[in-house]
């Protein structure tokens, strides 16, 4: 599967027909305040249309404020933006998740959400939470629903009792963790794979093979990795708060990696995580 992403506004079509931008801005570990608001506004002004947050990030209020200010300053319509948030582990459960969604929406100050995800597959909790997401989807309060950090067996478990198959699985994904089996499973089941930590929290910036490719294409290491994501059909949300870096990460549509170089990047896989294993976390 290869992406047809040609611009920063290019989208993939989810299983329910909703379109989602291939590239967005993540705001993990960005605290409330001017830095957060400026980052989101500069991203939207540069052309980004997708913003990814989560309840546990503690910055939904600032994200909402930045979106409102960006709409006022640029004249774009809310419908042009794709906003994602996630329910945290402490709020998993049918009623709990519905209540958590209300809190998220109050903080964001939005009428609807584009994508709502279960943040982690907390055992014994995520199936009831999925039922809540199905309810929110049927009520039209969220345009698409999905999961985050779900292995194949978690997805199979949810799908076994679900009315609606998750539309997205957002996972740690980068050249050292290529998630080949999961990618194939998602493709076969109409689930869009999405990458968090595409640069392995900066650890890949000194990877010699990628550095050579960056020289070859006249691009930065991060641009090579983001392009690899896109050409593998994986939505990606690199995090940055610096305007020049946000612009750089979004400038990946004027080149394409060759099949040979894609294979070279694929060969870097070590099944190596920088974040917790979804089968072994205690939060």
Protein backbone atom coordinates (compact mmCIF):
# COMPACT_ATOMS: atom_id res chain seq x y z
CA UNK A 1 0.00 0.00 0.00
CA UNK A 2 1.45 3.35 -0.99
CA UNK A 3 0.10 6.75 -0.18
CA UNK A 4 -1.11 9.22 -2.77
CA UNK A 5 -0.29 12.08 -0.41
CA UNK A 6 0.71 15.01 -2.60
CA UNK A 7 0.23 17.94 -0.23
CA UNK A 8 -0.14 18.70 3.46
CA UNK A 9 -3.91 18.58 2.97
CA UNK A 10 -3.87 15.14 1.28
CA UNK A 11 -6.07 12.63 3.06
CA UNK A 12 -6.62 8.93 3.49
CA UNK A 13 -10.20 7.67 3.53
CA UNK A 14 -11.17 5.74 6.64
CA UNK A 15 -13.43 2.68 6.49
CA UNK A 16 -16.53 4.80 7.13
CA UNK A 17 -15.73 7.27 4.33
CA UNK A 18 -14.37 10.03 6.59
CA UNK A 19 -11.16 11.59 5.27
CA UNK A 20 -8.15 12.03 7.56
CA UNK A 21 -4.97 13.99 6.72
CA UNK A 22 -1.89 11.83 6.17
CA UNK A 23 0.23 14.25 8.19
CA UNK A 24 -0.62 16.05 11.41
CA UNK A 25 0.86 17.73 14.46
CA UNK A 26 1.22 15.81 17.73
CA UNK A 27 1.31 17.72 21.04
CA UNK A 28 2.49 15.01 23.46
CA UNK A 29 4.43 16.49 26.42
CA UNK A 30 3.61 20.07 25.40
CA UNK A 31 2.30 21.93 28.44
CA UNK A 32 -0.58 24.38 28.42
CA UNK A 33 0.51 27.90 27.56
CA UNK A 34 1.81 30.18 24.82
CA UNK A 35 4.30 27.63 23.40
CA UNK A 36 1.50 25.14 22.73
CA UNK A 37 -0.85 27.74 21.26
CA UNK A 38 1.85 29.24 19.03
CA UNK A 39 2.90 25.79 17.77
CA UNK A 40 -0.63 24.82 16.74
CA UNK A 41 -1.34 28.20 15.15
CA UNK A 42 1.91 28.15 13.18
CA UNK A 43 1.14 24.58 12.03
CA UNK A 44 -2.34 25.53 10.82
CA UNK A 45 -1.02 28.68 9.12
CA UNK A 46 1.63 26.57 7.37
CA UNK A 47 -1.08 24.24 6.07
CA UNK A 48 -1.48 21.46 8.65
CA UNK A 49 -5.08 20.41 9.14
CA UNK A 50 -4.71 17.61 11.73
CA UNK A 51 -4.02 18.09 15.45
CA UNK A 52 -3.58 15.12 17.83
CA UNK A 53 -3.97 15.45 21.60
CA UNK A 54 -5.13 13.27 24.52
CA UNK A 55 -6.78 13.72 27.90
CA UNK A 56 -3.62 12.61 29.71
CA UNK A 57 -1.51 15.25 27.93
CA UNK A 58 -3.28 17.85 30.06
CA UNK A 59 -3.39 20.36 27.22
CA UNK A 60 -6.83 19.97 25.63
CA UNK A 61 -7.87 23.44 26.77
CA UNK A 62 -4.91 25.07 25.03
CA UNK A 63 -5.48 22.99 21.91
CA UNK A 64 -9.06 24.22 21.76
CA UNK A 65 -8.00 27.82 22.28
CA UNK A 66 -5.35 27.57 19.57
CA UNK A 67 -7.88 26.10 17.14
CA UNK A 68 -10.37 28.91 17.80
CA UNK A 69 -7.67 31.57 17.39
CA UNK A 70 -6.34 29.95 14.20
CA UNK A 71 -9.85 29.82 12.72
CA UNK A 72 -10.38 33.51 13.57
CA UNK A 73 -6.98 34.55 12.18
CA UNK A 74 -6.93 32.47 8.99
CA UNK A 75 -10.62 32.29 8.06
CA UNK A 76 -10.50 28.49 7.65
CA UNK A 77 -13.58 26.56 8.65
CA UNK A 78 -13.71 24.12 11.58
CA UNK A 79 -14.78 21.45 9.06
CA UNK A 80 -11.35 21.72 7.40
CA UNK A 81 -9.62 20.58 10.60
CA UNK A 82 -9.22 17.04 11.91
CA UNK A 83 -8.95 16.93 15.71
CA UNK A 84 -8.07 13.75 17.63
CA UNK A 85 -8.17 13.07 21.36
CA UNK A 86 -7.92 9.94 23.50
CA UNK A 87 -9.55 8.55 26.62
CA UNK A 88 -7.12 7.73 29.45
CA UNK A 89 -6.84 4.39 31.24
CA UNK A 90 -8.40 5.63 34.49
CA UNK A 91 -11.58 6.51 32.56
CA UNK A 92 -12.08 3.23 30.69
CA UNK A 93 -15.50 1.62 31.10
CA UNK A 94 -18.85 2.37 29.48
CA UNK A 95 -20.21 5.18 31.67
CA UNK A 96 -16.72 6.35 32.64
CA UNK A 97 -15.67 6.78 29.01
CA UNK A 98 -18.86 8.67 28.11
CA UNK A 99 -18.19 11.02 31.05
CA UNK A 100 -14.53 11.43 30.06
CA UNK A 101 -15.58 12.38 26.53
CA UNK A 102 -17.80 15.15 27.94
CA UNK A 103 -14.84 16.51 29.91
CA UNK A 104 -12.60 16.40 26.83
CA UNK A 105 -15.19 18.25 24.73
CA UNK A 106 -15.71 20.89 27.43
CA UNK A 107 -11.96 21.51 27.57
CA UNK A 108 -11.57 21.62 23.79
CA UNK A 109 -14.66 23.78 23.43
CA UNK A 110 -15.66 21.97 20.23
CA UNK A 111 -19.08 20.79 19.05
CA UNK A 112 -17.74 17.49 17.74
CA UNK A 113 -14.50 15.52 17.58
CA UNK A 114 -13.07 14.05 14.39
CA UNK A 115 -11.39 11.02 15.98
CA UNK A 116 -11.59 9.56 19.49
CA UNK A 117 -9.22 6.79 20.53
CA UNK A 118 -8.81 4.39 23.45
CA UNK A 119 -5.29 5.36 24.55
CA UNK A 120 -4.06 1.97 25.88
CA UNK A 121 -5.52 -1.57 25.93
CA UNK A 122 -6.05 -1.83 29.69
CA UNK A 123 -7.10 -5.39 30.34
CA UNK A 124 -10.70 -5.95 31.35
CA UNK A 125 -11.58 -2.33 30.58
CA UNK A 126 -11.17 -1.56 26.90
CA UNK A 127 -14.12 -3.56 25.55
CA UNK A 128 -16.65 -1.60 27.60
CA UNK A 129 -14.87 1.60 26.60
CA UNK A 130 -15.20 0.55 22.96
CA UNK A 131 -18.95 0.19 23.46
CA UNK A 132 -18.98 3.80 24.68
CA UNK A 133 -17.07 4.94 21.60
CA UNK A 134 -19.62 3.16 19.41
CA UNK A 135 -22.38 5.05 21.24
CA UNK A 136 -20.62 8.41 20.74
CA UNK A 137 -20.13 7.59 17.06
CA UNK A 138 -23.79 6.66 16.58
CA UNK A 139 -24.80 9.89 18.31
CA UNK A 140 -22.72 11.85 15.79
CA UNK A 141 -20.53 13.41 18.48
CA UNK A 142 -17.38 11.96 16.90
CA UNK A 143 -16.81 11.36 13.19
CA UNK A 144 -14.50 8.36 13.59
CA UNK A 145 -13.40 6.03 16.40
CA UNK A 146 -10.31 3.96 16.94
CA UNK A 147 -7.67 2.70 19.32
CA UNK A 148 -4.05 3.38 20.23
CA UNK A 149 -1.26 0.98 21.19
CA UNK A 150 -3.31 -2.11 20.31
CA UNK A 151 -1.51 -5.27 19.22
CA UNK A 152 -3.21 -7.67 16.79
CA UNK A 153 -4.67 -9.78 19.62
CA UNK A 154 -6.17 -6.65 21.24
CA UNK A 155 -7.77 -5.68 17.94
CA UNK A 156 -9.14 -9.20 17.45
CA UNK A 157 -10.56 -9.12 20.98
CA UNK A 158 -12.35 -5.82 20.40
CA UNK A 159 -13.58 -6.82 16.94
CA UNK A 160 -15.01 -10.11 18.25
CA UNK A 161 -17.71 -8.29 20.21
CA UNK A 162 -17.92 -5.01 18.33
CA UNK A 163 -20.58 -3.56 16.05
CA UNK A 164 -17.98 -1.27 14.51
CA UNK A 165 -14.39 -2.21 13.60
CA UNK A 166 -11.84 0.36 14.86
CA UNK A 167 -11.08 2.80 12.04
CA UNK A 168 -7.58 3.72 13.26
CA UNK A 169 -4.82 2.12 15.35
CA UNK A 170 -2.25 4.68 16.49
CA UNK A 171 0.96 2.96 17.58
CA UNK A 172 4.66 3.52 18.08
CA UNK A 173 6.06 3.24 14.57
CA UNK A 174 9.47 4.12 13.13
CA UNK A 175 12.28 2.41 11.17
CA UNK A 176 13.41 0.50 14.28
CA UNK A 177 9.82 -0.68 14.93
CA UNK A 178 8.26 -1.33 11.53
CA UNK A 179 5.24 -3.26 12.88
CA UNK A 180 5.06 -5.45 9.75
CA UNK A 181 2.51 -8.00 11.01
CA UNK A 182 0.31 -5.28 12.50
CA UNK A 183 0.49 -3.26 9.29
CA UNK A 184 -0.66 -6.27 7.27
CA UNK A 185 -3.45 -7.06 9.74
CA UNK A 186 -4.70 -3.46 9.69
CA UNK A 187 -4.60 -3.29 5.89
CA UNK A 188 -6.56 -6.56 5.65
CA UNK A 189 -9.22 -5.29 8.07
CA UNK A 190 -9.67 -1.74 6.83
CA UNK A 191 -7.93 -0.18 9.85
CA UNK A 192 -5.72 2.85 9.17
CA UNK A 193 -2.35 2.59 10.92
CA UNK A 194 -1.04 5.81 12.45
CA UNK A 195 2.46 6.48 13.82
CA UNK A 196 3.35 8.12 17.09
CA UNK A 197 6.99 8.84 17.87
CA UNK A 198 7.99 8.50 14.19
CA UNK A 199 11.50 9.78 15.01
CA UNK A 200 11.84 7.41 18.00
CA UNK A 201 11.85 10.46 20.27
CA UNK A 202 14.85 11.84 18.40
CA UNK A 203 16.94 8.68 18.67
CA UNK A 204 16.90 8.13 14.91
CA UNK A 205 18.35 11.54 14.06
CA UNK A 206 21.86 10.06 14.23
CA UNK A 207 21.11 6.78 12.40
CA UNK A 208 23.91 6.57 9.73
CA UNK A 209 21.82 4.85 7.04
CA UNK A 210 19.10 7.48 7.26
CA UNK A 211 21.69 10.28 7.39
CA UNK A 212 23.14 9.01 4.08
CA UNK A 213 19.69 9.03 2.50
CA UNK A 214 19.12 12.57 3.81
CA UNK A 215 22.32 13.66 2.01
CA UNK A 216 21.28 11.82 -1.15
CA UNK A 217 17.86 13.50 -1.34
CA UNK A 218 18.94 16.87 0.06
CA UNK A 219 16.46 16.48 2.92
CA UNK A 220 16.65 16.24 6.71
CA UNK A 221 16.65 12.89 8.53
CA UNK A 222 13.17 13.64 9.91
CA UNK A 223 11.86 14.38 6.40
CA UNK A 224 13.22 11.03 5.15
CA UNK A 225 11.50 9.17 8.01
CA UNK A 226 8.19 11.00 7.59
CA UNK A 227 8.29 10.26 3.86
CA UNK A 228 8.94 6.58 4.63
CA UNK A 229 5.86 6.56 6.87
CA UNK A 230 3.69 8.08 4.17
CA UNK A 231 4.93 5.79 1.41
CA UNK A 232 4.19 2.83 3.68
CA UNK A 233 0.60 4.08 3.94
CA UNK A 234 0.97 5.12 7.59
CA UNK A 235 -0.55 8.38 8.88
CA UNK A 236 2.01 10.25 10.97
CA UNK A 237 1.95 13.02 13.60
CA UNK A 238 5.47 14.27 14.38
CA UNK A 239 5.63 16.50 17.44
CA UNK A 240 7.39 19.85 17.45
CA UNK A 241 6.85 23.26 19.02
CA UNK A 242 9.33 25.11 16.80
CA UNK A 243 7.81 26.86 13.78
CA UNK A 244 10.78 26.08 11.51
CA UNK A 245 10.70 22.39 12.48
CA UNK A 246 6.92 22.19 12.00
CA UNK A 247 7.42 23.68 8.52
CA UNK A 248 10.27 21.26 7.77
CA UNK A 249 8.24 18.22 8.88
CA UNK A 250 5.41 19.36 6.63
CA UNK A 251 7.65 19.83 3.59
CA UNK A 252 7.80 16.21 2.42
CA UNK A 253 5.64 16.31 -0.68
CA UNK A 254 8.21 17.45 -3.26
CA UNK A 255 10.16 14.17 -3.37
CA UNK A 256 9.66 10.41 -3.19
CA UNK A 257 11.92 7.66 -1.90
CA UNK A 258 12.86 5.00 -4.46
CA UNK A 259 11.75 1.40 -3.98
CA UNK A 260 15.36 0.49 -3.16
CA UNK A 261 15.62 3.16 -0.49
CA UNK A 262 12.24 2.18 0.97
CA UNK A 263 13.54 -1.40 1.22
CA UNK A 264 16.74 -0.13 2.84
CA UNK A 265 14.74 1.76 5.48
CA UNK A 266 12.47 -1.26 6.01
CA UNK A 267 15.59 -3.36 6.68
CA UNK A 268 16.46 -1.20 9.72
CA UNK A 269 13.67 -2.81 11.75
CA UNK A 270 14.79 -4.20 15.13
CA UNK A 271 11.35 -4.55 16.78
CA UNK A 272 12.75 -2.04 19.26
CA UNK A 273 10.48 0.25 21.30
CA UNK A 274 11.14 3.58 22.94
CA UNK A 275 7.74 3.48 24.70
CA UNK A 276 6.03 0.78 26.81
CA UNK A 277 4.99 -2.54 25.32
CA UNK A 278 1.17 -2.64 25.10
CA UNK A 279 1.32 -6.15 26.60
CA UNK A 280 3.28 -4.96 29.61
CA UNK A 281 2.43 -1.57 31.09
CA UNK A 282 1.25 -0.62 34.57
CA UNK A 283 -0.49 2.73 34.28
